[in-house]
Amino acid sequence: MFYWVIVVVALAGIIIVFYVFNYYDKLRTVEKNLERIKTKWGRPVNSRRNFKMIAAYLNGTDDPAKLSPAIGEDLDLNNIFNYIDRTNSKPGKQVLYKKLFTPVTSFEELFKFDKKIESVNFPRPDLERVELDIANLNSPDAYHIADLFLERHELSLPSLMALYVRISWLAIVGLAVLLFIEPAIIPLVVLVALLIGNIVLHYTTRNKISSYTRTLPQLIILHSVARKLLKKVKSEQDEEVKQSISKLGGLNRTLNLVNFENKFAGNPDSLSYAIYRIFKMLFLLDPLMFITSVKRVNKYSADIEVLYKYVGEIDMLVSILSVRQGLPFYSKPVFYTDNMRMDITDMFHPLIYNCVPNSIHTRTEEGVLITGSNMSGKTTFIRSIALNALLAQTIYTTCTREYKAPLLKIQTSVRTMDNLRENTSYFQAEALSILDIINQASQDEPVKSLIIIDEIFRGTNTIERVAAAKSVLTYLTDNKNFVFVSTHDLELAELLDNDYAVYSFEEQVNDTRLVFDYKMKTGVLKNRNGIAILETIGYPESVVEDAYIVSEELKRKYTM
């Protein structure tokens, strides 16, 4: 009798210590999250991001408006995402990433989105509480919530194995009680064998069901976070969210093991969670959660999607407010309805520190040709135009003092590369890229294209490059598109004189240094700095002098 009292008291003491430790650990986590939320407001968050998981929601949806990976590379959108991502949850990251890659071509939808941004523009203390609620979904496992509605999960365990999973914990508890009552070698051997078998079964089934079972605790947290946000944030979809919360409430009551995990060991970095993982492995809790819940989760996948989008969007909206707060200046876009004009004032690139602003005013019947020295800023300028058009039609925020343009389809050809596997040369790859632009930029397209091309047809000889470029660029403006092209070919500027306005970025040579002001000027480039760069970085004097002599001879030859 005394033996049993000691055992009961010891177990009770362990459980009490466990609960107390877990309680204070959660308090420390809340304080840490709140401090992080306060510190990062209005600032980029410097952290490593798992883009494979972040892009899973984007890649799992079929949206014709989605930008191609090539455009994403041309505009450096992963680094842009690094800059604008101030979210507090993994679903928020996924929803923001999808938003960045899916420009909208509906005036009404964009105006509604701006109203949503303003609807969460609370005083900072109130907004911090909202962010703190959302931060409960910051576990890496929360990336997999989207899997619960993007794909259908099937019961993949054999029937006998499923039966064993359901009853194995009873056998373990029964043997443990038997050993307490009367220690014996046979029950001990059987108990050890069951535990070893469960460990083996845990690891053999883990790859099949791990993403699912790891997500179930996050599903319960999602439900809780959505309920809290519904009390603090008002939106047009409140009724739909309430219905989904109600439906998933019934599902949650069937996930008793998951509820236990959230309440008892919710922090993945805590000691209590590490101990609970051992407990899960020995008692096959992951396979048990899978076979008892998979059908119900499939049934409520549409409601899971509603709550996922609801929480993820609020997190994204708060992130956009933080971006606006941190920019040196910004403007909300104004969209023309005549598809003819573009007026951008003091535009800058958000990734360039102290970026020099530039302005551009143009129309569809006149393209823009940018000449410029190496490193002068011409490629950054045309990228900035496309990037700000994208930001206008995604997060309704531009890095300008004023952005006025029609709704546009963005097309780019900047980082073209050859492909050895497909036996494609650099020029052929570039020609295919520009052909794709031509095919999507006809006059019949309801949404006009914004086209940026860096160093058009650089992969072939001068005569054919200039001839092909002239014909392509004329075709694009004839079809009423906004076209911005950077080039070193001054001959192209002469040939396109009637169809394109010409601007340039230039530099001054100061002793042994090149000084750039990064301001765009009207007219063709007057100076070329290729040889000057060789001189400033230390090429032998004889090489530089010979290059200047040959350059003057070629100029006389081709200007005669």
Protein backbone atom coordinates (compact mmCIF):
# COMPACT_ATOMS: atom_id res chain seq x y z
CA MET A 1 0.00 0.00 0.00
CA PHE A 2 2.79 2.37 0.95
CA TYR A 3 4.48 1.53 -2.39
CA TRP A 4 1.41 2.67 -4.31
CA VAL A 5 1.20 5.93 -2.35
CA ILE A 6 4.80 6.75 -3.26
CA VAL A 7 4.18 6.00 -6.92
CA VAL A 8 0.99 8.11 -7.05
CA VAL A 9 2.61 11.04 -5.22
CA ALA A 10 5.66 10.89 -7.51
CA LEU A 11 3.54 10.85 -10.66
CA ALA A 12 1.38 13.70 -9.36
CA GLY A 13 4.49 15.72 -8.55
CA ILE A 14 5.94 15.15 -12.02
CA ILE A 15 2.69 16.22 -13.70
CA ILE A 16 2.42 19.37 -11.54
CA VAL A 17 6.02 20.35 -12.26
CA PHE A 18 5.41 19.67 -15.94
CA TYR A 19 2.33 21.91 -16.02
CA VAL A 20 4.02 24.73 -14.07
CA PHE A 21 7.09 24.62 -16.31
CA ASN A 22 4.93 24.60 -19.43
CA TYR A 23 2.83 27.53 -18.15
CA TYR A 24 5.84 29.76 -17.51
CA ASP A 25 7.45 28.67 -20.75
CA LYS A 26 4.36 29.88 -22.64
CA LEU A 27 4.49 33.19 -20.78
CA ARG A 28 8.13 33.66 -21.82
CA THR A 29 7.19 32.83 -25.42
CA VAL A 30 4.45 35.49 -25.40
CA GLU A 31 6.83 38.13 -24.00
CA LYS A 32 9.46 37.21 -26.58
CA ASN A 33 6.95 37.43 -29.45
CA LEU A 34 5.64 40.79 -28.25
CA GLU A 35 9.15 42.23 -28.09
CA ARG A 36 9.88 40.93 -31.59
CA ILE A 37 6.62 42.44 -32.91
CA LYS A 38 7.46 45.84 -31.44
CA THR A 39 11.04 45.80 -32.74
CA LYS A 40 10.29 44.87 -36.34
CA TRP A 41 7.51 47.38 -37.02
CA GLY A 42 8.32 49.46 -40.09
CA ARG A 43 11.52 47.49 -40.77
CA PRO A 44 12.54 44.62 -43.02
CA VAL A 45 12.94 41.36 -41.11
CA ASN A 46 16.33 39.80 -41.71
CA SER A 47 15.83 36.04 -41.44
CA ARG A 48 16.29 32.88 -43.47
CA ARG A 49 13.15 31.96 -45.38
CA ASN A 50 12.16 28.55 -46.71
CA PHE A 51 10.94 29.58 -50.17
CA LYS A 52 10.00 26.02 -51.09
CA MET A 53 7.44 25.99 -48.27
CA ILE A 54 6.46 29.65 -48.71
CA ALA A 55 5.69 29.07 -52.40
CA ALA A 56 3.67 25.88 -51.73
CA TYR A 57 0.33 27.72 -51.59
CA LEU A 58 1.11 29.66 -54.79
CA ASN A 59 2.23 26.51 -56.61
CA GLY A 60 -0.75 24.54 -55.38
CA THR A 61 -3.27 26.86 -57.01
CA ASP A 62 -4.04 27.23 -60.71
CA ASP A 63 -4.36 30.94 -61.42
CA PRO A 64 -3.89 32.24 -65.00
CA ALA A 65 -2.80 35.64 -63.62
CA LYS A 66 0.21 34.08 -61.87
CA LEU A 67 3.58 35.44 -62.99
CA SER A 68 6.00 33.03 -64.60
CA PRO A 69 9.16 31.98 -62.73
CA ALA A 70 11.19 33.83 -65.40
CA ILE A 71 9.48 37.14 -64.57
CA GLY A 72 10.02 36.43 -60.89
CA GLU A 73 13.75 36.03 -61.58
CA ASP A 74 13.89 39.13 -63.78
CA LEU A 75 12.33 41.29 -61.06
CA ASP A 76 14.20 39.57 -58.21
CA LEU A 77 10.89 38.89 -56.47
CA ASN A 78 12.26 36.59 -53.78
CA ASN A 79 14.42 39.43 -52.50
CA ILE A 80 11.48 41.81 -52.86
CA PHE A 81 9.50 39.39 -50.72
CA ASN A 82 12.30 39.38 -48.16
CA TYR A 83 11.89 43.15 -47.96
CA ILE A 84 8.09 43.33 -47.68
CA ASP A 85 7.55 40.26 -45.52
CA ARG A 86 6.75 41.50 -42.01
CA THR A 87 4.22 38.73 -41.34
CA ASN A 88 3.91 36.88 -38.04
CA SER A 89 2.69 33.49 -39.25
CA LYS A 90 3.56 30.89 -41.84
CA PRO A 91 0.12 31.10 -43.54
CA GLY A 92 0.63 34.88 -43.69
CA LYS A 93 3.91 34.37 -45.54
CA GLN A 94 2.29 32.01 -48.01
CA VAL A 95 -0.66 34.31 -48.67
CA LEU A 96 1.62 37.37 -49.11
CA TYR A 97 3.91 35.44 -51.48
CA LYS A 98 0.95 34.37 -53.60
CA LYS A 99 -0.30 37.97 -53.62
CA LEU A 100 3.07 39.27 -54.83
CA PHE A 101 3.09 36.80 -57.74
CA THR A 102 -0.54 37.36 -58.79
CA PRO A 103 -1.18 40.88 -60.14
CA VAL A 104 -4.83 41.94 -60.28
CA THR A 105 -6.44 43.46 -63.37
CA SER A 106 -9.73 44.48 -61.77
CA PHE A 107 -10.27 48.05 -60.50
CA GLU A 108 -12.98 46.93 -58.10
CA GLU A 109 -10.87 44.17 -56.58
CA LEU A 110 -7.93 46.52 -56.01
CA PHE A 111 -10.07 49.20 -54.37
CA LYS A 112 -11.60 46.58 -52.08
CA PHE A 113 -8.14 45.38 -51.15
CA ASP A 114 -7.08 48.89 -50.15
CA LYS A 115 -10.15 49.15 -47.92
CA LYS A 116 -9.08 45.90 -46.25
CA ILE A 117 -5.64 47.36 -45.55
CA GLU A 118 -7.18 50.42 -43.94
CA SER A 119 -9.59 48.25 -41.93
CA VAL A 120 -6.67 46.90 -39.86
CA ASN A 121 -4.96 50.27 -39.41
CA PHE A 122 -5.51 50.23 -35.64
CA PRO A 123 -3.51 52.12 -32.99
CA ARG A 124 -0.23 50.27 -32.42
CA PRO A 125 -1.13 48.69 -29.02
CA ASP A 126 -4.31 47.16 -30.50
CA LEU A 127 -2.50 46.04 -33.64
CA GLU A 128 0.25 44.44 -31.55
CA ARG A 129 -2.37 42.27 -29.83
CA VAL A 130 -3.66 41.19 -33.24
CA GLU A 131 -0.11 40.34 -34.34
CA LEU A 132 0.46 38.46 -31.10
CA ASP A 133 -2.59 36.27 -31.76
CA ILE A 134 -1.42 35.56 -35.30
CA ALA A 135 2.09 34.71 -34.09
CA ASN A 136 0.70 31.49 -32.59
CA LEU A 137 0.86 30.13 -36.14
CA ASN A 138 4.57 30.77 -36.61
CA SER A 139 5.64 27.14 -36.22
CA PRO A 140 7.18 25.61 -39.40
CA ASP A 141 4.45 22.96 -39.18
CA ALA A 142 1.90 25.69 -39.98
CA TYR A 143 3.25 25.77 -43.55
CA HIS A 144 1.38 22.48 -44.09
CA ILE A 145 -2.10 23.77 -43.22
CA ALA A 146 -2.61 24.56 -46.90
CA ASP A 147 -2.02 20.87 -47.69
CA LEU A 148 -5.22 20.01 -45.81
CA PHE A 149 -7.33 21.68 -48.52
CA LEU A 150 -5.01 21.67 -51.54
CA GLU A 151 -4.89 17.87 -51.63
CA ARG A 152 -7.02 14.98 -50.44
CA HIS A 153 -5.48 12.68 -47.84
CA GLU A 154 -6.18 8.97 -48.05
CA LEU A 155 -5.93 6.24 -45.40
CA SER A 156 -2.66 4.55 -46.41
CA LEU A 157 -2.23 2.05 -43.55
CA PRO A 158 -3.21 -1.65 -43.96
CA SER A 159 -6.32 -2.63 -41.98
CA LEU A 160 -4.47 -4.91 -39.54
CA MET A 161 -1.87 -2.23 -38.87
CA ALA A 162 -4.64 0.35 -38.35
CA LEU A 163 -6.31 -1.98 -35.83
CA TYR A 164 -3.03 -2.44 -33.96
CA VAL A 165 -2.49 1.32 -33.83
CA ARG A 166 -5.92 1.74 -32.24
CA ILE A 167 -5.33 -0.84 -29.46
CA SER A 168 -1.56 -0.79 -28.84
CA TRP A 169 -1.77 1.92 -26.20
CA LEU A 170 -4.29 -0.19 -24.26
CA ALA A 171 -1.90 -3.14 -24.30
CA ILE A 172 0.98 -0.95 -23.06
CA VAL A 173 -1.07 0.56 -20.25
CA GLY A 174 -2.39 -2.88 -19.27
CA LEU A 175 1.07 -4.41 -19.11
CA ALA A 176 2.39 -1.45 -17.12
CA VAL A 177 -0.42 -1.85 -14.57
CA LEU A 178 0.23 -5.59 -14.39
CA LEU A 179 3.90 -4.98 -13.66
CA PHE A 180 3.01 -2.53 -10.87
CA ILE A 181 0.72 -5.07 -9.28
CA GLU A 182 3.06 -8.04 -9.64
CA PRO A 183 6.47 -7.61 -11.30
CA ALA A 184 7.27 -10.53 -13.64
CA ILE A 185 9.72 -11.18 -16.45
CA ILE A 186 7.22 -12.19 -19.16
CA PRO A 187 5.04 -9.01 -18.98
CA LEU A 188 8.24 -6.94 -18.91
CA VAL A 189 9.63 -8.64 -22.04
CA VAL A 190 6.32 -8.22 -23.85
CA LEU A 191 6.13 -4.55 -22.82
CA VAL A 192 9.66 -3.86 -24.05
CA ALA A 193 8.91 -5.68 -27.31
CA LEU A 194 5.75 -3.59 -27.83
CA LEU A 195 7.62 -0.34 -27.19
CA ILE A 196 10.43 -1.28 -29.59
CA GLY A 197 7.87 -2.34 -32.19
CA ASN A 198 6.02 0.96 -31.78
CA ILE A 199 9.24 2.92 -32.28
CA VAL A 200 9.91 0.99 -35.49
CA LEU A 201 6.32 1.46 -36.68
CA HIS A 202 6.49 5.19 -35.84
CA TYR A 203 9.49 5.69 -38.10
CA THR A 204 8.23 3.46 -40.92
CA THR A 205 4.94 5.37 -41.16
CA ARG A 206 6.35 8.82 -40.47
CA ASN A 207 7.20 9.75 -44.07
CA LYS A 208 3.68 8.85 -45.23
CA ILE A 209 1.74 10.81 -42.64
CA SER A 210 4.14 13.23 -40.94
CA SER A 211 3.09 16.36 -42.84
CA TYR A 212 -0.53 15.57 -42.03
CA THR A 213 -0.13 14.71 -38.35
CA ARG A 214 2.24 17.63 -37.73
CA THR A 215 -0.40 19.92 -39.19
CA LEU A 216 -3.32 18.84 -37.02
CA PRO A 217 -2.13 20.79 -33.94
CA GLN A 218 -1.77 23.84 -36.21
CA LEU A 219 -5.35 23.32 -37.40
CA ILE A 220 -6.58 23.64 -33.82
CA ILE A 221 -4.46 26.78 -33.37
CA LEU A 222 -5.83 28.19 -36.66
CA HIS A 223 -9.36 27.69 -35.35
CA SER A 224 -8.50 29.46 -32.08
CA VAL A 225 -6.72 32.36 -33.81
CA ALA A 226 -9.62 32.87 -36.22
CA ARG A 227 -12.06 33.07 -33.29
CA LYS A 228 -9.92 35.70 -31.59
CA LEU A 229 -9.46 37.78 -34.74
CA LEU A 230 -13.18 37.71 -35.46
CA LYS A 231 -13.70 39.68 -32.25
CA LYS A 232 -11.07 42.29 -33.14
CA VAL A 233 -11.19 42.73 -36.94
CA LYS A 234 -14.37 43.41 -38.91
CA SER A 235 -14.62 42.37 -42.56
CA GLU A 236 -17.14 41.52 -45.27
CA GLN A 237 -16.47 37.80 -44.83
CA ASP A 238 -17.30 37.68 -41.10
CA GLU A 239 -20.44 35.58 -41.61
CA GLU A 240 -18.63 33.01 -43.77
CA VAL A 241 -15.81 32.83 -41.22
CA LYS A 242 -18.30 32.33 -38.36
CA GLN A 243 -19.91 29.42 -40.19
CA SER A 244 -16.56 27.76 -40.84
CA ILE A 245 -15.50 28.28 -37.22
CA SER A 246 -18.72 26.62 -36.10
CA LYS A 247 -18.27 23.63 -38.42
CA LEU A 248 -14.65 23.11 -37.44
CA GLY A 249 -15.61 23.34 -33.77
CA GLY A 250 -17.23 19.92 -34.14
CA LEU A 251 -14.11 18.57 -35.83
CA ASN A 252 -11.90 19.93 -33.07
CA ARG A 253 -13.86 18.07 -30.39
CA THR A 254 -12.97 14.79 -32.11
CA LEU A 255 -9.26 15.61 -32.04
CA ASN A 256 -8.76 15.12 -28.31
CA LEU A 257 -5.13 14.06 -28.70
CA VAL A 258 -4.38 17.16 -30.74
CA ASN A 259 -6.04 19.41 -28.19
CA PHE A 260 -3.92 17.77 -25.52
CA GLU A 261 -0.77 18.49 -27.51
CA ASN A 262 -1.67 22.17 -27.96
CA LYS A 263 -2.45 22.73 -24.29
CA PHE A 264 0.25 20.60 -22.77
CA ALA A 265 3.20 20.98 -25.11
CA GLY A 266 2.44 23.73 -27.59
CA ASN A 267 5.92 25.30 -27.92
CA PRO A 268 8.13 23.24 -30.29
CA ASP A 269 11.27 24.64 -28.63
CA SER A 270 10.31 23.72 -25.05
CA LEU A 271 11.45 20.78 -22.94
CA SER A 272 7.84 19.72 -22.42
CA TYR A 273 7.36 19.36 -26.18
CA ALA A 274 10.52 17.23 -26.48
CA ILE A 275 9.23 14.91 -23.76
CA TYR A 276 5.82 14.79 -25.42
CA ARG A 277 7.41 13.75 -28.72
CA ILE A 278 8.90 10.71 -27.00
CA PHE A 279 5.46 9.96 -25.54
CA LYS A 280 3.91 10.23 -29.03
CA MET A 281 6.47 7.86 -30.49
CA LEU A 282 6.01 5.16 -27.81
CA PHE A 283 2.21 5.24 -27.96
CA LEU A 284 1.90 5.68 -31.79
CA LEU A 285 -0.09 8.88 -31.36
CA ASP A 286 0.73 10.19 -34.84
CA PRO A 287 -0.69 7.16 -36.70
CA LEU A 288 -3.62 7.12 -34.26
CA MET A 289 -4.41 10.78 -34.99
CA PHE A 290 -4.18 10.05 -38.71
CA ILE A 291 -6.57 7.09 -38.86
CA THR A 292 -9.12 8.70 -36.53
CA SER A 293 -9.27 12.11 -38.24
CA VAL A 294 -8.39 11.88 -41.92
CA LYS A 295 -11.95 11.38 -43.19
CA ARG A 296 -13.29 14.22 -41.07
CA VAL A 297 -10.55 16.61 -42.19
CA ASN A 298 -11.25 15.81 -45.85
CA LYS A 299 -14.92 16.55 -45.21
CA TYR A 300 -14.19 20.02 -43.80
CA SER A 301 -11.39 21.01 -46.20
CA ALA A 302 -13.40 23.94 -47.62
CA ASP A 303 -13.89 25.40 -44.13
CA ILE A 304 -10.20 24.96 -43.36
CA GLU A 305 -9.43 26.96 -46.50
CA VAL A 306 -11.78 29.76 -45.41
CA LEU A 307 -10.03 30.16 -42.05
CA TYR A 308 -6.57 29.79 -43.59
CA LYS A 309 -7.23 32.63 -46.07
CA TYR A 310 -8.90 34.75 -43.39
CA VAL A 311 -6.00 34.59 -40.92
CA GLY A 312 -3.32 34.69 -43.63
CA GLU A 313 -4.86 37.76 -45.27
CA ILE A 314 -5.07 39.72 -42.01
CA ASP A 315 -1.43 38.91 -41.35
CA MET A 316 -0.58 40.09 -44.88
CA LEU A 317 -2.55 43.34 -44.46
CA VAL A 318 -0.67 44.19 -41.27
CA SER A 319 2.60 43.45 -43.07
CA ILE A 320 1.68 45.91 -45.85
CA LEU A 321 0.96 48.60 -43.24
CA SER A 322 4.43 47.98 -41.82
CA VAL A 323 5.97 48.31 -45.29
CA ARG A 324 4.22 51.63 -45.86
CA GLN A 325 5.41 52.85 -42.48
CA GLY A 326 9.03 52.01 -43.25
CA LEU A 327 9.34 53.43 -46.78
CA PRO A 328 10.91 56.92 -47.15
CA PHE A 329 7.71 57.77 -49.05
CA TYR A 330 5.04 55.87 -50.95
CA SER A 331 1.86 56.43 -52.90
CA LYS A 332 -1.30 54.52 -53.60
CA PRO A 333 -1.73 53.92 -57.33
CA VAL A 334 -4.16 55.83 -59.52
CA PHE A 335 -5.38 53.77 -62.48
CA TYR A 336 -6.19 55.34 -65.82
CA THR A 337 -9.04 53.83 -67.80
CA ASP A 338 -7.93 54.93 -71.27
CA ASN A 339 -4.93 52.53 -71.51
CA MET A 340 -2.80 55.25 -73.05
CA ARG A 341 -0.75 57.16 -70.45
CA MET A 342 1.77 56.48 -67.72
CA ASP A 343 2.89 59.16 -65.26
CA ILE A 344 5.33 58.13 -62.52
CA THR A 345 6.94 60.72 -60.26
CA ASP A 346 10.03 60.14 -58.08
CA MET A 347 10.17 56.39 -58.50
CA PHE A 348 12.77 54.38 -56.55
CA HIS A 349 13.76 50.74 -56.07
CA PRO A 350 13.12 49.56 -52.48
CA LEU A 351 16.14 47.24 -52.37
CA ILE A 352 18.68 49.97 -53.19
CA TYR A 353 19.86 52.00 -50.22
CA ASN A 354 19.36 55.75 -50.76
CA CYS A 355 18.09 55.06 -54.26
CA VAL A 356 18.02 58.20 -56.44
CA PRO A 357 14.40 58.81 -57.54
CA ASN A 358 13.56 59.28 -61.23
CA SER A 359 10.37 60.20 -63.05
CA ILE A 360 8.88 59.12 -66.37
CA HIS A 361 5.88 60.33 -68.40
CA THR A 362 5.00 58.40 -71.53
CA ARG A 363 2.21 57.07 -73.76
CA THR A 364 1.60 53.76 -75.51
CA GLU A 365 2.34 55.10 -78.98
CA GLU A 366 5.87 56.11 -77.93
CA GLY A 367 8.29 53.60 -76.43
CA VAL A 368 11.17 54.49 -74.14
CA LEU A 369 14.75 53.67 -75.07
CA ILE A 370 17.30 53.94 -72.26
CA THR A 371 20.96 54.31 -73.20
CA GLY A 372 23.61 54.36 -70.55
CA SER A 373 27.07 53.48 -69.42
CA ASN A 374 27.83 50.32 -67.53
CA MET A 375 26.69 50.50 -63.88
CA SER A 376 24.93 53.82 -64.53
CA GLY A 377 21.47 52.61 -63.47
CA LYS A 378 19.57 51.97 -66.70
CA THR A 379 18.69 48.32 -65.88
CA THR A 380 17.66 49.27 -62.35
CA PHE A 381 15.41 51.96 -63.81
CA ILE A 382 13.46 49.67 -66.15
CA ARG A 383 13.19 47.03 -63.43
CA SER A 384 11.84 49.66 -61.06
CA ILE A 385 9.07 50.51 -63.52
CA ALA A 386 7.93 46.89 -63.80
CA LEU A 387 8.31 46.32 -60.05
CA ASN A 388 6.22 49.36 -59.14
CA ALA A 389 3.54 48.35 -61.62
CA LEU A 390 3.49 44.95 -59.92
CA LEU A 391 3.33 46.43 -56.41
CA ALA A 392 0.50 48.71 -57.56
CA GLN A 393 -1.54 45.74 -58.76
CA THR A 394 -0.74 43.47 -55.81
CA ILE A 395 -0.21 45.27 -52.48
CA TYR A 396 -1.66 48.62 -53.67
CA THR A 397 1.50 50.42 -52.60
CA THR A 398 4.15 51.95 -54.86
CA CYS A 399 7.65 53.26 -54.19
CA THR A 400 6.85 56.61 -55.81
CA ARG A 401 5.46 60.01 -54.95
CA GLU A 402 2.86 59.49 -57.64
CA TYR A 403 1.94 56.47 -59.77
CA LYS A 404 -0.64 56.85 -62.51
CA ALA A 405 -1.04 54.16 -65.17
CA PRO A 406 -3.61 51.77 -66.59
CA LEU A 407 -3.90 48.19 -65.37
CA LEU A 408 -1.13 46.30 -67.12
CA LYS A 409 0.15 42.84 -67.95
CA ILE A 410 3.83 42.66 -66.99
CA GLN A 411 6.28 41.05 -69.41
CA THR A 412 10.07 40.96 -69.07
CA SER A 413 13.23 39.78 -70.77
CA VAL A 414 16.17 40.58 -68.51
CA ARG A 415 18.04 37.50 -67.28
CA THR A 416 17.93 35.28 -70.34
CA MET A 417 20.35 32.33 -70.21
CA ASP A 418 21.40 29.61 -72.60
CA ASN A 419 20.32 26.03 -71.91
CA LEU A 420 22.88 23.32 -72.60
CA ARG A 421 20.45 20.50 -71.83
CA GLU A 422 18.02 21.70 -74.50
CA ASN A 423 20.89 22.72 -76.80
CA THR A 424 19.64 26.30 -76.79
CA SER A 425 22.08 29.14 -77.45
CA TYR A 426 21.92 32.45 -75.58
CA PHE A 427 20.53 34.24 -78.64
CA GLN A 428 17.95 31.53 -79.30
CA ALA A 429 16.81 31.62 -75.67
CA GLU A 430 16.49 35.40 -75.84
CA ALA A 431 14.65 35.22 -79.18
CA LEU A 432 12.16 32.72 -77.71
CA SER A 433 11.64 34.95 -74.67
CA ILE A 434 10.87 37.98 -76.84
CA LEU A 435 8.66 35.90 -79.15
CA ASP A 436 6.57 34.98 -76.12
CA ILE A 437 6.23 38.70 -75.35
CA ILE A 438 5.15 39.43 -78.94
CA ASN A 439 2.53 36.67 -78.82
CA GLN A 440 0.96 38.20 -75.70
CA ALA A 441 1.14 41.84 -76.79
CA SER A 442 -1.19 42.08 -79.76
CA GLN A 443 -3.50 45.04 -80.24
CA ASP A 444 -6.52 42.85 -79.45
CA GLU A 445 -5.40 42.10 -75.88
CA PRO A 446 -7.90 43.66 -73.40
CA VAL A 447 -5.11 44.45 -70.92
CA LYS A 448 -2.10 46.19 -72.44
CA SER A 449 1.40 44.99 -71.67
CA LEU A 450 4.17 46.70 -69.78
CA ILE A 451 7.29 45.32 -71.44
CA ILE A 452 10.84 45.71 -70.18
CA ILE A 453 13.79 44.35 -72.15
CA ASP A 454 17.40 44.66 -71.04
CA GLU A 455 20.01 44.84 -73.84
CA ILE A 456 17.79 43.43 -76.56
CA PHE A 457 19.34 40.68 -78.73
CA ARG A 458 22.76 41.05 -77.12
CA GLY A 459 23.60 37.48 -78.14
CA THR A 460 24.26 38.18 -81.84
CA ASN A 461 26.36 40.46 -84.05
CA THR A 462 25.85 44.22 -84.17
CA ILE A 463 24.20 44.56 -87.60
CA GLU A 464 21.63 41.78 -87.08
CA ARG A 465 21.04 42.81 -83.47
CA VAL A 466 20.17 46.38 -84.39
CA ALA A 467 18.04 45.33 -87.38
CA ALA A 468 16.05 42.72 -85.42
CA ALA A 469 15.67 44.99 -82.41
CA LYS A 470 14.35 47.86 -84.50
CA SER A 471 11.65 45.73 -86.14
CA VAL A 472 10.56 44.08 -82.86
CA LEU A 473 10.39 47.34 -80.92
CA THR A 474 8.42 49.06 -83.65
CA TYR A 475 5.95 46.16 -83.69
CA LEU A 476 5.44 46.37 -79.92
CA THR A 477 4.64 50.09 -79.92
CA ASP A 478 2.47 49.76 -83.03
CA ASN A 479 0.33 47.39 -80.93
CA LYS A 480 -0.11 50.05 -78.21
CA ASN A 481 2.03 48.64 -75.40
CA PHE A 482 4.25 50.40 -72.89
CA VAL A 483 7.79 49.40 -73.89
CA PHE A 484 10.99 50.18 -71.97
CA VAL A 485 14.28 48.97 -73.41
CA SER A 486 17.87 49.46 -72.30
CA THR A 487 20.64 49.30 -74.87
CA HIS A 488 24.24 50.19 -75.66
CA ASP A 489 23.44 50.45 -79.37
CA LEU A 490 23.28 54.15 -80.18
CA GLU A 491 22.47 53.25 -83.77
CA LEU A 492 19.17 51.81 -82.51
CA ALA A 493 18.26 55.18 -81.06
CA GLU A 494 18.70 56.79 -84.48
CA LEU A 495 16.57 54.15 -86.23
CA LEU A 496 13.75 54.42 -83.68
CA ASP A 497 13.78 58.21 -83.61
CA ASN A 498 10.11 58.62 -84.55
CA ASP A 499 8.78 55.78 -82.38
CA TYR A 500 10.80 56.01 -79.18
CA ALA A 501 11.77 58.72 -76.72
CA VAL A 502 15.45 58.38 -75.85
CA TYR A 503 16.91 58.90 -72.37
CA SER A 504 20.31 58.21 -70.89
CA PHE A 505 22.21 57.60 -67.67
CA GLU A 506 25.73 58.97 -67.69
CA GLU A 507 28.80 59.43 -65.49
CA GLN A 508 31.75 61.72 -65.02
CA VAL A 509 35.37 60.60 -64.82
CA ASN A 510 36.92 62.09 -61.68
CA ASP A 511 40.68 61.41 -61.58
CA THR A 512 40.75 57.60 -61.50
CA ARG A 513 37.12 57.18 -60.47
CA LEU A 514 33.81 57.07 -62.28
CA VAL A 515 31.17 59.18 -60.56
CA PHE A 516 27.49 58.33 -61.23
CA ASP A 517 24.58 60.58 -60.31
CA TYR A 518 21.94 57.96 -61.35
CA LYS A 519 19.70 60.71 -62.74
CA MET A 520 17.98 60.05 -66.04
CA LYS A 521 18.55 62.68 -68.72
CA THR A 522 16.83 63.41 -71.99
CA GLY A 523 18.67 62.37 -75.12
CA VAL A 524 21.15 59.75 -76.24
CA LEU A 525 24.24 58.72 -74.25
CA LYS A 526 27.13 61.07 -74.99
CA ASN A 527 29.94 59.23 -73.20
CA ARG A 528 30.94 55.56 -73.13
CA ASN A 529 32.80 54.25 -70.14
CA GLY A 530 33.86 50.70 -71.05
CA ILE A 531 37.51 51.59 -71.58
CA ALA A 532 37.43 54.05 -68.67
CA ILE A 533 36.41 51.21 -66.37
CA LEU A 534 39.42 49.18 -67.53
CA GLU A 535 41.60 52.14 -66.64
CA THR A 536 40.08 52.72 -63.19
CA ILE A 537 40.43 49.08 -62.10
CA GLY A 538 44.13 48.92 -62.98
CA TYR A 539 44.55 47.53 -66.51
CA PRO A 540 48.07 48.06 -67.94
CA GLU A 541 48.50 51.54 -69.42
CA SER A 542 49.52 50.12 -72.81
CA VAL A 543 46.30 48.09 -73.04
CA VAL A 544 44.13 51.10 -72.19
CA GLU A 545 45.97 53.39 -74.61
CA ASP A 546 45.71 50.89 -77.45
CA ALA A 547 41.98 50.42 -76.75
CA TYR A 548 41.38 54.19 -77.01
CA ILE A 549 43.26 54.34 -80.34
CA VAL A 550 41.26 51.47 -81.84
CA SER A 551 38.03 52.99 -80.50
CA GLU A 552 38.71 56.30 -82.30
CA GLU A 553 39.51 54.47 -85.54
CA LEU A 554 36.23 52.51 -85.36
CA LYS A 555 34.24 55.68 -84.64
CA ARG A 556 35.69 57.35 -87.74
CA LYS A 557 35.02 54.25 -89.84
CA TYR A 558 31.37 53.90 -88.87
CA THR A 559 30.52 57.62 -88.96
CA MET A 560 31.92 58.33 -92.41
